Amino acid sequence: MSDVVKSLSTRLTTAADKPVSTPTREEAEAAVRTLIRWAGDDPTREGLLDTPKRVAKAFREFYSGYGEDPSEILDKIFAEVEGYDDIVLVRDIPFHSHCEHHMVPFFGVAHVAYYPTKGVVGLSKLARLVDAYARRLQTQETMTSQIAKAMVNALDPRGVAVMIEAEHMCMSMRGIQKAGAMTLTTQFTGIFKEEPAEQVRFLTLVRNSRG
């Protein structure tokens, strides 16, 4: 295993990778009713009677990434690509996630690139990989590194570049309340980390999409 992968593995081994006991749906709905009371409302009033069920159902969708195995998403590689070994970039992949600190949304776009060695992966798989990590309780920094690590492990590429641009509702809705502020994170491995010109190429290709 390369030093880059070892470093990423050490930083990204979190509680999210370990099995946890799942409460029943009834317990989840009871927790929502408690939060409604904490907010100052009455969970028994007509407009809120079905809210606990809806929230429990929504959580299944919001956090469906916990049921995804990134290694399975990237397990099929197409080797017959007529010797193609240049950059592969999928940019402007939309995503939404939830901050693990306040459980409020952050959303934006991800740009993912790699230099293939043994073959390429289906382009839709890269979008699925982004979703697999976005649909969890997250920080943007961790999510950026997780995507890069998964690609390094599965594809053994010459290099991976990941950039995420997102707006965080924990900054827009609460606290400092600065709507529109964007956070940008990057992770480079292999040739992208070793050769600054490759980072420039990646960033230029991403920015050219903005006209």
Protein backbone atom coordinates (compact mmCIF):
# COMPACT_ATOMS: atom_id res chain seq x y z
CA MET A 1 0.00 0.00 0.00
CA SER A 2 1.40 3.43 -0.92
CA ASP A 3 2.26 6.06 1.72
CA VAL A 4 -0.57 8.23 0.35
CA VAL A 5 -3.15 5.48 0.84
CA LYS A 6 -1.79 4.64 4.31
CA SER A 7 -2.02 8.29 5.31
CA LEU A 8 -5.56 8.63 4.02
CA SER A 9 -6.59 5.33 5.63
CA THR A 10 -5.33 6.48 9.02
CA ARG A 11 -7.18 9.78 8.82
CA LEU A 12 -10.41 8.36 7.47
CA THR A 13 -11.00 5.39 9.76
CA THR A 14 -13.98 6.82 11.63
CA ALA A 15 -16.97 5.61 13.58
CA ALA A 16 -18.93 5.69 10.31
CA ASP A 17 -16.92 2.65 9.16
CA LYS A 18 -17.96 0.57 12.15
CA PRO A 19 -21.28 -1.28 12.57
CA VAL A 20 -23.75 0.40 14.90
CA SER A 21 -26.98 -0.84 16.42
CA THR A 22 -29.97 0.61 14.61
CA PRO A 23 -33.00 1.72 16.63
CA THR A 24 -36.48 0.68 15.57
CA ARG A 25 -38.58 2.97 13.44
CA GLU A 26 -40.85 3.52 16.46
CA GLU A 27 -37.85 4.69 18.50
CA ALA A 28 -36.80 7.03 15.69
CA GLU A 29 -40.28 8.53 15.48
CA ALA A 30 -40.38 8.98 19.26
CA ALA A 31 -37.08 10.87 19.05
CA VAL A 32 -38.58 13.22 16.44
CA ARG A 33 -41.55 13.92 18.71
CA THR A 34 -39.10 14.78 21.50
CA LEU A 35 -37.28 17.23 19.21
CA ILE A 36 -40.57 18.83 18.20
CA ARG A 37 -41.34 19.45 21.86
CA TRP A 38 -37.77 20.76 22.36
CA ALA A 39 -38.39 23.22 19.51
CA GLY A 40 -41.45 24.47 21.37
CA ASP A 41 -44.32 22.88 19.46
CA ASP A 42 -46.92 20.20 20.14
CA PRO A 43 -46.29 16.91 18.27
CA THR A 44 -49.94 15.94 18.81
CA ARG A 45 -51.41 18.83 16.87
CA GLU A 46 -52.92 18.00 13.49
CA GLY A 47 -50.19 19.43 11.28
CA LEU A 48 -47.45 17.51 13.11
CA LEU A 49 -49.13 14.15 13.68
CA ASP A 50 -47.46 12.47 10.69
CA THR A 51 -44.25 14.45 10.85
CA PRO A 52 -42.28 11.81 12.81
CA LYS A 53 -43.08 9.19 10.14
CA ARG A 54 -42.09 11.57 7.35
CA VAL A 55 -38.83 12.50 9.06
CA ALA A 56 -37.91 8.86 9.66
CA LYS A 57 -38.60 8.11 6.00
CA ALA A 58 -36.60 11.15 4.87
CA PHE A 59 -33.64 10.07 7.02
CA ARG A 60 -33.50 6.78 5.14
CA GLU A 61 -33.02 8.77 1.93
CA PHE A 62 -30.76 11.49 3.33
CA TYR A 63 -28.36 8.95 4.83
CA SER A 64 -28.61 6.12 2.32
CA GLY A 65 -24.84 6.34 1.81
CA TYR A 66 -24.30 4.22 4.91
CA GLY A 67 -25.75 1.31 2.95
CA GLU A 68 -23.37 1.80 0.01
CA ASP A 69 -20.02 0.05 -0.34
CA PRO A 70 -17.71 2.34 -2.39
CA SER A 71 -15.50 -0.60 -3.37
CA GLU A 72 -18.49 -2.28 -5.00
CA ILE A 73 -19.40 0.89 -6.89
CA LEU A 74 -15.94 0.92 -8.50
CA ASP A 75 -15.51 -2.84 -8.88
CA LYS A 76 -15.99 -2.99 -12.68
CA ILE A 77 -13.12 -1.62 -14.75
CA PHE A 78 -13.11 -1.45 -18.54
CA ALA A 79 -9.64 -2.38 -19.75
CA GLU A 80 -10.39 -2.17 -23.47
CA VAL A 81 -10.04 1.58 -23.98
CA GLU A 82 -7.62 1.55 -26.95
CA GLY A 83 -4.64 2.51 -24.80
CA TYR A 84 -6.22 5.67 -23.38
CA ASP A 85 -4.10 6.95 -20.48
CA ASP A 86 -4.85 10.67 -20.35
CA ILE A 87 -6.94 12.52 -17.79
CA VAL A 88 -10.56 11.52 -17.16
CA LEU A 89 -12.58 14.31 -15.55
CA VAL A 90 -16.21 14.42 -14.47
CA ARG A 91 -17.04 17.92 -13.31
CA ASP A 92 -20.03 19.65 -11.74
CA ILE A 93 -21.44 16.54 -10.03
CA PRO A 94 -24.26 17.94 -7.87
CA PHE A 95 -24.63 16.62 -4.34
CA HIS A 96 -26.27 17.40 -1.01
CA SER A 97 -25.08 16.27 2.37
CA HIS A 98 -25.55 17.02 6.07
CA CYS A 99 -22.99 18.53 8.40
CA GLU A 100 -22.10 16.12 11.19
CA HIS A 101 -21.80 19.00 13.66
CA HIS A 102 -25.29 20.51 13.32
CA MET A 103 -27.12 18.04 11.04
CA VAL A 104 -28.05 20.83 8.65
CA PRO A 105 -27.49 20.62 4.88
CA PHE A 106 -24.52 21.57 2.81
CA PHE A 107 -24.65 21.25 -0.95
CA GLY A 108 -22.72 22.03 -4.09
CA VAL A 109 -20.73 20.29 -6.81
CA ALA A 110 -17.83 17.86 -6.94
CA HIS A 111 -15.17 17.62 -9.64
CA VAL A 112 -13.37 14.27 -9.89
CA ALA A 113 -10.45 13.35 -12.15
CA TYR A 114 -7.91 10.56 -12.49
CA TYR A 115 -5.20 9.22 -14.78
CA PRO A 116 -6.07 5.57 -15.56
CA THR A 117 -3.55 2.74 -15.59
CA LYS A 118 -5.30 -0.63 -15.83
CA GLY A 119 -8.52 0.73 -17.32
CA VAL A 120 -11.38 3.14 -16.77
CA VAL A 121 -14.53 3.00 -14.68
CA GLY A 122 -18.00 3.90 -15.92
CA LEU A 123 -18.53 7.64 -15.64
CA SER A 124 -21.80 7.25 -13.76
CA LYS A 125 -19.90 5.31 -11.10
CA LEU A 126 -17.98 8.44 -10.14
CA ALA A 127 -21.24 10.29 -9.55
CA ARG A 128 -22.49 7.34 -7.48
CA LEU A 129 -19.28 7.41 -5.46
CA VAL A 130 -19.83 11.07 -4.62
CA ASP A 131 -23.38 10.28 -3.48
CA ALA A 132 -22.23 7.30 -1.40
CA TYR A 133 -20.16 9.60 0.76
CA ALA A 134 -22.41 12.69 0.54
CA ARG A 135 -25.44 10.82 1.88
CA ARG A 136 -23.93 10.48 5.34
CA LEU A 137 -23.24 12.80 8.24
CA GLN A 138 -20.15 14.51 6.92
CA THR A 139 -17.59 17.24 6.91
CA GLN A 140 -16.60 18.55 3.49
CA GLU A 141 -12.93 17.93 4.21
CA THR A 142 -13.47 14.28 5.11
CA MET A 143 -15.76 13.68 2.16
CA THR A 144 -13.14 15.08 -0.24
CA SER A 145 -10.47 12.73 1.13
CA GLN A 146 -12.79 9.71 1.22
CA ILE A 147 -13.61 10.04 -2.48
CA ALA A 148 -9.91 10.25 -3.37
CA LYS A 149 -9.00 7.30 -1.15
CA ALA A 150 -11.72 5.10 -2.64
CA MET A 151 -10.50 5.86 -6.16
CA VAL A 152 -6.86 5.16 -5.27
CA ASN A 153 -7.80 1.82 -3.70
CA ALA A 154 -10.10 0.66 -6.50
CA LEU A 155 -8.44 1.99 -9.66
CA ASP A 156 -4.71 2.13 -8.83
CA PRO A 157 -4.49 5.28 -10.98
CA ARG A 158 -1.42 7.40 -11.69
CA GLY A 159 -3.15 10.17 -9.81
CA VAL A 160 -6.49 11.40 -8.47
CA ALA A 161 -7.80 14.95 -8.13
CA VAL A 162 -10.96 15.83 -6.22
CA MET A 163 -12.38 19.31 -5.68
CA ILE A 164 -15.62 20.10 -3.86
CA GLU A 165 -17.37 23.47 -3.78
CA ALA A 166 -20.24 23.82 -1.34
CA GLU A 167 -22.44 26.19 0.61
CA HIS A 168 -23.05 25.25 4.24
CA MET A 169 -26.36 26.03 5.86
CA CYS A 170 -24.67 26.03 9.27
CA MET A 171 -23.03 29.26 8.07
CA SER A 172 -26.06 30.59 6.17
CA MET A 173 -28.97 29.76 8.52
CA ARG A 174 -27.32 30.02 11.93
CA GLY A 175 -24.22 31.32 13.64
CA ILE A 176 -22.46 33.87 11.48
CA GLN A 177 -25.34 33.83 8.93
CA LYS A 178 -23.30 34.55 5.79
CA ALA A 179 -25.48 33.30 2.95
CA GLY A 180 -23.68 32.56 -0.29
CA ALA A 181 -20.26 31.92 1.23
CA MET A 182 -18.65 28.99 -0.58
CA THR A 183 -16.17 26.48 0.84
CA LEU A 184 -13.65 24.82 -1.50
CA THR A 185 -11.65 21.71 -0.64
CA THR A 186 -9.19 19.71 -2.74
CA GLN A 187 -7.34 16.40 -2.51
CA PHE A 188 -4.53 15.43 -4.87
CA THR A 189 -2.67 12.12 -5.09
CA GLY A 190 0.00 10.67 -7.36
CA ILE A 191 0.90 12.75 -10.40
CA PHE A 192 -1.48 15.53 -9.35
CA LYS A 193 0.36 15.89 -6.05
CA GLU A 194 3.86 15.47 -7.47
CA GLU A 195 3.56 17.77 -10.48
CA PRO A 196 2.06 21.26 -9.91
CA ALA A 197 1.43 21.58 -13.66
CA GLU A 198 -1.09 18.73 -13.42
CA GLN A 199 -2.96 20.56 -10.67
CA VAL A 200 -3.06 23.62 -12.91
CA ARG A 201 -4.38 21.52 -15.78
CA PHE A 202 -7.11 20.03 -13.59
CA LEU A 203 -8.16 23.42 -12.22
CA THR A 204 -8.11 24.95 -15.71
CA LEU A 205 -10.36 22.21 -17.10
CA VAL A 206 -12.77 22.69 -14.20
CA ARG A 207 -12.86 26.47 -14.53
CA ASN A 208 -13.27 26.37 -18.31
CA SER A 209 -16.73 24.87 -17.72
CA ARG A 210 -17.78 28.24 -16.27
CA GLY A 211 -17.29 29.99 -19.60
